[in-house]
Amino acid sequence: MFRDVVGWLDERARGASARRRREMSERNRLLELLTELAYEKRKVVLSSGKESDFYIDTKQASLTAEGHYLVGAWCWPRSARISLGPRRWAE
């Protein structure tokens, strides 16, 4: 019985580390997409009136098919941790 439990725990640990590796590779690919498609090195005037040397337009990366998937894969596990509290419906 003890060996069965240890084997089960080992399997879970291997699965968790594979999941972490996949999440890291998805995160890295999302960062690559943002760098390739969304980042522009140019002078811009921000809505605050200040100047910046670069501009990041995340729509360029997130609105691609791959970007949709990667943003969703990144957001989904984090959304489970958000508590919205009781919902009140309009009467």
C-alpha atoms as a PDB file:
ATOM      1  CA  MET A   1       0.000   0.000   0.000  1.00  0.00           C
ATOM      2  CA  PHE A   2       2.769   2.458   0.924  1.00  0.00           C
ATOM      3  CA  ARG A   3       4.482   1.835  -2.419  1.00  0.00           C
ATOM      4  CA  ASP A   4       1.206   2.557  -4.222  1.00  0.00           C
ATOM      5  CA  VAL A   5       0.874   5.899  -2.441  1.00  0.00           C
ATOM      6  CA  VAL A   6       4.494   6.821  -3.168  1.00  0.00           C
ATOM      7  CA  GLY A   7       4.038   5.868  -6.825  1.00  0.00           C
ATOM      8  CA  TRP A   8       0.868   7.947  -7.037  1.00  0.00           C
ATOM      9  CA  LEU A   9       2.651  10.943  -5.495  1.00  0.00           C
ATOM     10  CA  ASP A  10       5.553  10.552  -7.942  1.00  0.00           C
ATOM     11  CA  GLU A  11       3.113  10.513 -10.870  1.00  0.00           C
ATOM     12  CA  ARG A  12       1.408  13.660  -9.605  1.00  0.00           C
ATOM     13  CA  ALA A  13       4.761  15.422  -9.164  1.00  0.00           C
ATOM     14  CA  ARG A  14       5.814  14.475 -12.710  1.00  0.00           C
ATOM     15  CA  GLY A  15       2.479  15.726 -14.053  1.00  0.00           C
ATOM     16  CA  ALA A  16       2.786  18.998 -12.138  1.00  0.00           C
ATOM     17  CA  SER A  17       6.304  19.620 -13.408  1.00  0.00           C
ATOM     18  CA  ALA A  18       5.218  18.877 -16.999  1.00  0.00           C
ATOM     19  CA  ARG A  19       2.348  21.320 -16.538  1.00  0.00           C
ATOM     20  CA  ARG A  20       4.748  23.968 -15.208  1.00  0.00           C
ATOM     21  CA  ARG A  21       7.090  23.431 -18.176  1.00  0.00           C
ATOM     22  CA  ARG A  22       4.181  23.820 -20.612  1.00  0.00           C
ATOM     23  CA  GLU A  23       2.984  26.969 -18.829  1.00  0.00           C
ATOM     24  CA  MET A  24       6.492  28.440 -18.928  1.00  0.00           C
ATOM     25  CA  SER A  25       6.884  27.677 -22.627  1.00  0.00           C
ATOM     26  CA  GLU A  26       3.459  29.254 -23.311  1.00  0.00           C
ATOM     27  CA  ARG A  27       4.456  32.290 -21.248  1.00  0.00           C
ATOM     28  CA  ASN A  28       7.747  32.587 -23.111  1.00  0.00           C
ATOM     29  CA  ARG A  29       5.974  32.324 -26.474  1.00  0.00           C
ATOM     30  CA  LEU A  30       3.511  35.049 -25.405  1.00  0.00           C
ATOM     31  CA  LEU A  31       6.460  37.288 -24.472  1.00  0.00           C
ATOM     32  CA  GLU A  32       8.023  36.555 -27.882  1.00  0.00           C
ATOM     33  CA  LEU A  33       4.776  37.505 -29.635  1.00  0.00           C
ATOM     34  CA  LEU A  34       4.521  40.729 -27.652  1.00  0.00           C
ATOM     35  CA  THR A  35       8.128  41.567 -28.488  1.00  0.00           C
ATOM     36  CA  GLU A  36       7.736  40.768 -32.201  1.00  0.00           C
ATOM     37  CA  LEU A  37       4.298  42.253 -32.865  1.00  0.00           C
ATOM     38  CA  ALA A  38       3.431  44.738 -30.135  1.00  0.00           C
ATOM     39  CA  TYR A  39       6.649  46.556 -29.213  1.00  0.00           C
ATOM     40  CA  GLU A  40       7.672  49.624 -31.205  1.00  0.00           C
ATOM     41  CA  LYS A  41      10.681  51.778 -30.448  1.00  0.00           C
ATOM     42  CA  ARG A  42       9.549  55.280 -31.345  1.00  0.00           C
ATOM     43  CA  LYS A  43       8.688  58.566 -29.678  1.00  0.00           C
ATOM     44  CA  VAL A  44       5.069  58.797 -28.538  1.00  0.00           C
ATOM     45  CA  VAL A  45       3.101  61.268 -26.447  1.00  0.00           C
ATOM     46  CA  LEU A  46       1.090  59.486 -23.764  1.00  0.00           C
ATOM     47  CA  SER A  47      -2.400  60.523 -22.724  1.00  0.00           C
ATOM     48  CA  SER A  48      -0.828  62.062 -19.603  1.00  0.00           C
ATOM     49  CA  GLY A  49       1.122  64.397 -21.882  1.00  0.00           C
ATOM     50  CA  LYS A  50       4.472  62.795 -21.071  1.00  0.00           C
ATOM     51  CA  GLU A  51       6.758  61.466 -23.797  1.00  0.00           C
ATOM     52  CA  SER A  52       7.945  57.886 -24.096  1.00  0.00           C
ATOM     53  CA  ASP A  53      10.650  56.290 -26.240  1.00  0.00           C
ATOM     54  CA  PHE A  54       8.616  53.150 -26.924  1.00  0.00           C
ATOM     55  CA  TYR A  55       5.035  52.007 -27.446  1.00  0.00           C
ATOM     56  CA  ILE A  56       3.399  48.639 -26.769  1.00  0.00           C
ATOM     57  CA  ASP A  57       0.164  47.882 -28.635  1.00  0.00           C
ATOM     58  CA  THR A  58      -0.896  44.551 -27.161  1.00  0.00           C
ATOM     59  CA  LYS A  59      -3.792  44.230 -29.612  1.00  0.00           C
ATOM     60  CA  GLN A  60      -1.286  43.447 -32.367  1.00  0.00           C
ATOM     61  CA  ALA A  61      -0.225  40.274 -30.538  1.00  0.00           C
ATOM     62  CA  SER A  62      -3.326  39.301 -28.588  1.00  0.00           C
ATOM     63  CA  LEU A  63      -5.725  39.452 -31.541  1.00  0.00           C
ATOM     64  CA  THR A  64      -3.903  36.754 -33.499  1.00  0.00           C
ATOM     65  CA  ALA A  65      -5.152  33.168 -33.183  1.00  0.00           C
ATOM     66  CA  GLU A  66      -2.046  32.118 -31.285  1.00  0.00           C
ATOM     67  CA  GLY A  67      -2.234  35.239 -29.122  1.00  0.00           C
ATOM     68  CA  HIS A  68      -5.850  34.476 -28.185  1.00  0.00           C
ATOM     69  CA  TYR A  69      -4.856  31.012 -27.046  1.00  0.00           C
ATOM     70  CA  LEU A  70      -1.766  32.150 -25.129  1.00  0.00           C
ATOM     71  CA  VAL A  71      -3.523  35.015 -23.333  1.00  0.00           C
ATOM     72  CA  GLY A  72      -6.380  32.687 -22.388  1.00  0.00           C
ATOM     73  CA  ALA A  73      -3.968  30.006 -21.183  1.00  0.00           C
ATOM     74  CA  TRP A  74      -2.193  32.600 -19.044  1.00  0.00           C
ATOM     75  CA  CYS A  75      -5.375  34.188 -17.616  1.00  0.00           C
ATOM     76  CA  TRP A  76      -7.502  31.093 -16.979  1.00  0.00           C
ATOM     77  CA  PRO A  77      -5.597  29.642 -13.981  1.00  0.00           C
ATOM     78  CA  ARG A  78      -5.314  33.096 -12.413  1.00  0.00           C
ATOM     79  CA  SER A  79      -9.036  33.814 -12.748  1.00  0.00           C
ATOM     80  CA  ALA A  80      -9.868  30.905 -10.443  1.00  0.00           C
ATOM     81  CA  ARG A  81      -8.120  32.755  -7.612  1.00  0.00           C
ATOM     82  CA  ILE A  82     -10.295  35.849  -7.934  1.00  0.00           C
ATOM     83  CA  SER A  83     -13.263  35.997  -5.587  1.00  0.00           C
ATOM     84  CA  LEU A  84     -16.072  38.163  -6.890  1.00  0.00           C
ATOM     85  CA  GLY A  85     -18.231  37.709  -3.812  1.00  0.00           C
ATOM     86  CA  PRO A  86     -22.001  37.324  -3.934  1.00  0.00           C
ATOM     87  CA  ARG A  87     -23.614  38.442  -7.136  1.00  0.00           C
ATOM     88  CA  ARG A  88     -26.538  40.811  -7.071  1.00  0.00           C
ATOM     89  CA  TRP A  89     -28.914  40.695  -9.980  1.00  0.00           C
ATOM     90  CA  ALA A  90     -30.838  43.760 -11.120  1.00  0.00           C
ATOM     91  CA  GLU A  91     -34.406  43.671 -10.002  1.00  0.00           C
END
